[in-house]
Amino acid sequence: MSAVRHIGAAFWQQAAEIRDEWEAHGSACGTTDQAAAERAISRLYRSIGRNRPQFIWVRSPLEAQPLVAHLPTLDDLYHWVKEPPASGAPPLASDFAAAVGRLRGRLEEHIRPVWFDEKQSKKDKGKEWQHLPPEEALARNVAFTSVIRWYVREALLAKLGDGFFRPAKRMLGEPSPVCWYGQQEAHWIAYFDVWQRLGLAKYPAEVEAEFDTWQSLALSAGWFWLGEDRCVISQKPVSPRTFADGWTVA
C-alpha cells in the first residue's frame, strides 16, 4: 500500500468510529436530559436575538402535534422567502433555519484541504464508487473528502432518515409544522465532528461554541418545535419498539 493510501485508510478507520458513535446517539432510547436540552435551546434562542422560551415537554412527536399546529410548515417558509409580505417579521423558524445554514457554511469553510486528495484521481466525479465499501473506494483513489461526505454524512442521513424521522413524519401527516430532529440531527453533526477530531478542521471559537450547543442538544433530547415564546420538545423514545412504530406512540 502506498503512503497516501495508508494515511487515507488510517484516517477512515478513525472517521468510521466517530460516525458509529453518532449513529448510536441518533438512535438512542431511554433517558432524556431535560436540563441540558433546555440550556442548549436557550443558547440557540439567544443566538438569534430571542429570549429564553417557555419549555413544554411531550412524550412523542405525536403528542406534540396539537401544541404545534399553529407553527409554519416548510411551504410557509418557502412562501415567505419568495413572496415576503410588505410588513411583519419572519417567523422564528425562518430565522432559525437561516442561522443553522450559516453555521454549517462556516463549519465547512474551516475544513482544511486534505493534502493527499491532490494525489488522487478525479474518478469520484461519477457515482459508480458509492456502492463500494469505503476502504475499496479509497483503494481506487476516490478522494478522501468525497468518502467522508458519502460514508459519514450521507450514510447517517439515510439510516436516521429512512429508519426514524421520515417514517414518523409520514405517519404524522404532511404538511406538518417545521421541526428539528434533536438526536437525529446526528448526520451533519457527525460529519463536522469527524473533521475536527481528525485534526483536519479548526473552527473559530464562536463557531465551535455554537456547534457544541448542537452536539449537546443531539445528546439530550428528541424532536423540537420553535415558537416565539415557547418551545415544545419531545423526549427520546423509551424503547426501539416506539421507533419501529414510527415513534408516534404517545
Protein backbone atom coordinates (compact mmCIF):
# COMPACT_ATOMS: atom_id res chain seq x y z
CA MET A 1 0.00 0.00 0.00
CA SER A 2 1.36 3.47 -0.90
CA ALA A 3 1.94 6.01 1.84
CA VAL A 4 -1.01 8.08 0.59
CA ARG A 5 -3.39 5.12 0.65
CA HIS A 6 -2.12 4.06 4.07
CA ILE A 7 -2.79 7.52 5.53
CA GLY A 8 -6.24 7.59 3.95
CA ALA A 9 -7.11 4.16 5.35
CA ALA A 10 -5.93 5.14 8.85
CA PHE A 11 -7.97 8.33 8.77
CA TRP A 12 -11.00 6.42 7.55
CA GLN A 13 -10.82 3.93 10.44
CA GLN A 14 -10.98 6.82 12.90
CA ALA A 15 -13.75 8.51 10.94
CA ALA A 16 -15.83 5.31 10.93
CA GLU A 17 -15.55 5.02 14.71
CA ILE A 18 -16.76 8.61 15.16
CA ARG A 19 -19.60 8.03 12.68
CA ASP A 20 -20.68 4.93 14.61
CA GLU A 21 -20.68 6.89 17.88
CA TRP A 22 -23.08 9.42 16.39
CA GLU A 23 -25.25 6.75 14.84
CA ALA A 24 -25.67 5.28 18.32
CA HIS A 25 -26.59 8.71 19.71
CA GLY A 26 -29.03 9.32 16.87
CA SER A 27 -30.92 6.10 17.54
CA ALA A 28 -30.57 6.06 21.34
CA CYS A 29 -33.57 5.28 23.51
CA GLY A 30 -34.11 5.97 27.16
CA THR A 31 -33.07 8.86 29.38
CA THR A 32 -33.72 12.42 28.22
CA ASP A 33 -31.57 15.14 29.80
CA GLN A 34 -34.16 17.88 30.03
CA ALA A 35 -31.90 20.40 31.77
CA ALA A 36 -29.15 20.05 29.15
CA ALA A 37 -31.65 20.33 26.30
CA GLU A 38 -33.23 23.46 27.75
CA ARG A 39 -29.83 25.10 28.25
CA ALA A 40 -28.85 24.29 24.66
CA ILE A 41 -32.07 25.56 23.13
CA SER A 42 -31.93 28.72 25.26
CA ARG A 43 -28.49 29.41 23.79
CA LEU A 44 -29.88 28.90 20.28
CA TYR A 45 -32.69 31.37 21.01
CA ARG A 46 -30.15 33.93 22.26
CA SER A 47 -28.05 33.46 19.12
CA ILE A 48 -30.93 34.83 17.02
CA GLY A 49 -31.84 37.58 19.45
CA ARG A 50 -34.71 35.87 21.29
CA ASN A 51 -35.32 35.42 24.99
CA ARG A 52 -35.40 32.05 26.69
CA PRO A 53 -38.73 30.42 25.83
CA GLN A 54 -41.17 28.51 27.96
CA PHE A 55 -40.45 24.80 27.57
CA ILE A 56 -43.18 22.23 27.13
CA TRP A 57 -42.14 18.58 27.20
CA VAL A 58 -44.06 15.81 25.46
CA ARG A 59 -43.56 12.05 25.21
CA SER A 60 -43.52 11.84 21.43
CA PRO A 61 -43.90 13.84 18.21
CA LEU A 62 -47.49 12.63 18.05
CA GLU A 63 -48.28 14.14 21.42
CA ALA A 64 -46.71 17.41 20.27
CA GLN A 65 -49.00 17.93 17.28
CA PRO A 66 -51.90 19.76 18.98
CA LEU A 67 -49.38 22.11 20.58
CA VAL A 68 -47.54 23.00 17.38
CA ALA A 69 -50.34 23.05 14.79
CA HIS A 70 -50.17 26.86 14.57
CA LEU A 71 -46.48 26.89 13.61
CA PRO A 72 -45.40 27.37 9.97
CA THR A 73 -44.83 24.47 7.60
CA LEU A 74 -41.90 24.23 5.22
CA ASP A 75 -44.15 25.51 2.43
CA ASP A 76 -44.97 28.54 4.58
CA LEU A 77 -41.26 29.30 4.96
CA TYR A 78 -40.65 28.95 1.23
CA HIS A 79 -43.55 31.30 0.53
CA TRP A 80 -42.16 33.85 2.98
CA VAL A 81 -38.79 33.82 1.19
CA LYS A 82 -40.28 34.02 -2.31
CA GLU A 83 -43.06 36.50 -1.59
CA PRO A 84 -42.40 38.23 1.73
CA PRO A 85 -45.27 40.38 2.98
CA ALA A 86 -44.94 44.15 2.98
CA SER A 87 -44.78 44.26 6.77
CA GLY A 88 -44.17 41.98 9.69
CA ALA A 89 -41.24 39.94 10.90
CA PRO A 90 -40.46 36.50 9.51
CA PRO A 91 -41.45 33.52 11.67
CA LEU A 92 -38.86 32.43 14.18
CA ALA A 93 -38.42 29.14 12.31
CA SER A 94 -37.21 31.12 9.29
CA ASP A 95 -34.58 32.99 11.31
CA PHE A 96 -33.52 29.78 12.97
CA ALA A 97 -33.19 27.86 9.70
CA ALA A 98 -31.05 30.68 8.32
CA ALA A 99 -28.85 30.56 11.43
CA VAL A 100 -28.36 26.80 11.10
CA GLY A 101 -27.47 27.25 7.43
CA ARG A 102 -24.90 29.90 8.31
CA LEU A 103 -23.38 27.64 10.98
CA ARG A 104 -22.97 24.74 8.57
CA GLY A 105 -21.46 27.07 5.98
CA ARG A 106 -18.93 28.42 8.45
CA LEU A 107 -18.03 24.93 9.63
CA GLU A 108 -17.48 23.87 6.01
CA GLU A 109 -15.26 26.89 5.37
CA HIS A 110 -12.81 25.79 8.05
CA ILE A 111 -12.24 22.23 6.89
CA ARG A 112 -8.62 22.11 5.81
CA PRO A 113 -7.75 20.73 2.38
CA VAL A 114 -6.57 17.14 2.67
CA TRP A 115 -3.18 17.17 1.07
CA PHE A 116 -3.28 13.60 -0.16
CA ASP A 117 -6.51 14.23 -2.09
CA GLU A 118 -4.36 16.15 -4.58
CA LYS A 119 -2.51 12.94 -5.38
CA GLN A 120 -5.69 11.04 -6.05
CA SER A 121 -7.58 10.84 -9.30
CA LYS A 122 -10.83 12.61 -10.14
CA LYS A 123 -12.66 9.33 -10.77
CA ASP A 124 -15.04 10.18 -7.95
CA LYS A 125 -16.83 12.69 -10.18
CA GLY A 126 -19.25 9.88 -11.04
CA LYS A 127 -21.30 7.81 -8.63
CA GLU A 128 -20.01 4.35 -9.54
CA TRP A 129 -17.86 4.08 -6.42
CA GLN A 130 -20.68 4.81 -3.96
CA HIS A 131 -21.80 1.16 -3.85
CA LEU A 132 -18.31 0.06 -2.76
CA PRO A 133 -17.07 -0.37 0.81
CA PRO A 134 -15.24 2.83 1.81
CA GLU A 135 -11.90 1.03 2.05
CA GLU A 136 -12.22 -0.11 -1.54
CA ALA A 137 -13.28 3.35 -2.69
CA LEU A 138 -10.10 4.75 -1.15
CA ALA A 139 -8.07 1.97 -2.74
CA ARG A 140 -9.48 3.06 -6.11
CA ASN A 141 -8.22 6.60 -5.47
CA VAL A 142 -11.54 8.21 -4.63
CA ALA A 143 -10.75 11.44 -2.80
CA PHE A 144 -10.87 11.20 0.99
CA THR A 145 -13.12 14.25 1.24
CA SER A 146 -15.66 12.55 -1.04
CA VAL A 147 -15.51 9.37 1.04
CA ILE A 148 -16.20 11.30 4.26
CA ARG A 149 -19.16 13.11 2.75
CA TRP A 150 -20.72 9.94 1.39
CA TYR A 151 -19.92 7.35 4.06
CA VAL A 152 -20.43 9.63 7.08
CA ARG A 153 -22.92 12.42 6.37
CA GLU A 154 -24.97 10.81 3.62
CA ALA A 155 -24.82 7.33 5.16
CA LEU A 156 -26.11 8.61 8.50
CA LEU A 157 -28.77 10.74 6.84
CA ALA A 158 -30.04 7.62 5.06
CA LYS A 159 -30.03 5.50 8.21
CA LEU A 160 -31.58 8.06 10.55
CA GLY A 161 -33.91 9.45 7.91
CA ASP A 162 -35.21 6.20 6.45
CA GLY A 163 -35.11 4.44 9.81
CA PHE A 164 -36.61 7.10 12.03
CA PHE A 165 -37.69 10.62 11.17
CA ARG A 166 -39.09 10.15 7.65
CA PRO A 167 -41.43 7.27 8.63
CA ALA A 168 -42.54 9.23 11.67
CA LYS A 169 -43.30 12.32 9.59
CA ARG A 170 -45.32 10.25 7.14
CA MET A 171 -47.38 8.83 9.98
CA LEU A 172 -47.94 12.30 11.40
CA GLY A 173 -49.15 13.54 8.03
CA GLU A 174 -47.96 16.22 5.66
CA PRO A 175 -47.61 19.11 5.61
CA SER A 176 -46.52 19.30 9.22
CA PRO A 177 -45.02 22.18 11.22
CA VAL A 178 -41.31 22.72 10.77
CA CYS A 179 -39.31 20.94 13.43
CA TRP A 180 -35.74 19.94 14.16
CA TYR A 181 -34.84 16.36 14.95
CA GLY A 182 -32.66 16.70 18.04
CA GLN A 183 -30.71 13.46 18.37
CA GLN A 184 -31.35 12.64 14.71
CA GLU A 185 -29.51 15.76 13.58
CA ALA A 186 -26.52 13.48 14.16
CA HIS A 187 -25.88 13.03 10.43
CA TRP A 188 -24.46 16.52 9.88
CA ILE A 189 -23.05 16.83 13.39
CA ALA A 190 -21.04 13.65 12.87
CA TYR A 191 -19.68 14.95 9.58
CA PHE A 192 -18.20 18.11 11.09
CA ASP A 193 -17.12 16.31 14.25
CA VAL A 194 -15.11 13.86 12.14
CA TRP A 195 -13.11 16.65 10.53
CA GLN A 196 -12.47 18.30 13.87
CA ARG A 197 -11.43 15.15 15.70
CA LEU A 198 -9.17 14.06 12.87
CA GLY A 199 -7.38 17.39 13.20
CA LEU A 200 -8.45 18.40 9.69
CA ALA A 201 -10.67 21.31 10.76
CA LYS A 202 -10.09 24.18 13.17
CA TYR A 203 -13.29 26.05 13.91
CA PRO A 204 -13.24 29.61 15.30
CA ALA A 205 -14.18 29.83 18.97
CA GLU A 206 -17.65 31.30 18.38
CA VAL A 207 -18.42 28.72 15.68
CA GLU A 208 -17.18 25.88 17.86
CA ALA A 209 -19.34 27.11 20.74
CA GLU A 210 -22.46 27.05 18.56
CA PHE A 211 -21.50 23.63 17.21
CA ASP A 212 -21.02 22.37 20.78
CA THR A 213 -24.55 23.55 21.56
CA TRP A 214 -25.92 21.37 18.75
CA GLN A 215 -23.91 18.39 19.95
CA SER A 216 -25.28 18.83 23.46
CA LEU A 217 -28.80 19.02 22.10
CA ALA A 218 -28.37 15.88 19.98
CA LEU A 219 -27.18 14.01 23.05
CA SER A 220 -30.01 15.13 25.29
CA ALA A 221 -33.40 15.17 23.52
CA GLY A 222 -35.61 14.25 20.61
CA TRP A 223 -37.51 16.45 18.16
CA PHE A 224 -38.29 20.10 18.97
CA TRP A 225 -40.52 22.85 17.59
CA LEU A 226 -39.66 26.52 18.00
CA GLY A 227 -42.23 29.19 18.72
CA GLU A 228 -41.73 32.84 19.60
CA ASP A 229 -42.47 32.37 23.27
CA ARG A 230 -42.39 28.63 23.82
CA CYS A 231 -40.54 25.56 22.63
CA VAL A 232 -42.11 22.11 22.51
CA ILE A 233 -39.62 19.27 22.96
CA SER A 234 -40.13 15.55 22.62
CA GLN A 235 -38.41 13.12 24.90
CA LYS A 236 -36.30 10.35 23.43
CA PRO A 237 -38.17 7.12 22.65
CA VAL A 238 -38.30 4.76 25.60
CA SER A 239 -37.58 1.65 23.53
CA PRO A 240 -36.69 0.52 20.00
CA ARG A 241 -40.30 -0.56 19.62
CA THR A 242 -41.50 3.03 19.57
CA PHE A 243 -39.04 3.71 16.77
CA ALA A 244 -40.42 0.70 14.89
CA ASP A 245 -43.92 2.18 15.26
CA GLY A 246 -42.78 5.43 13.70
CA TRP A 247 -42.10 6.98 17.13
CA THR A 248 -45.64 8.23 17.33
CA VAL A 249 -46.68 6.28 20.40
CA ALA A 250 -47.85 8.82 22.93
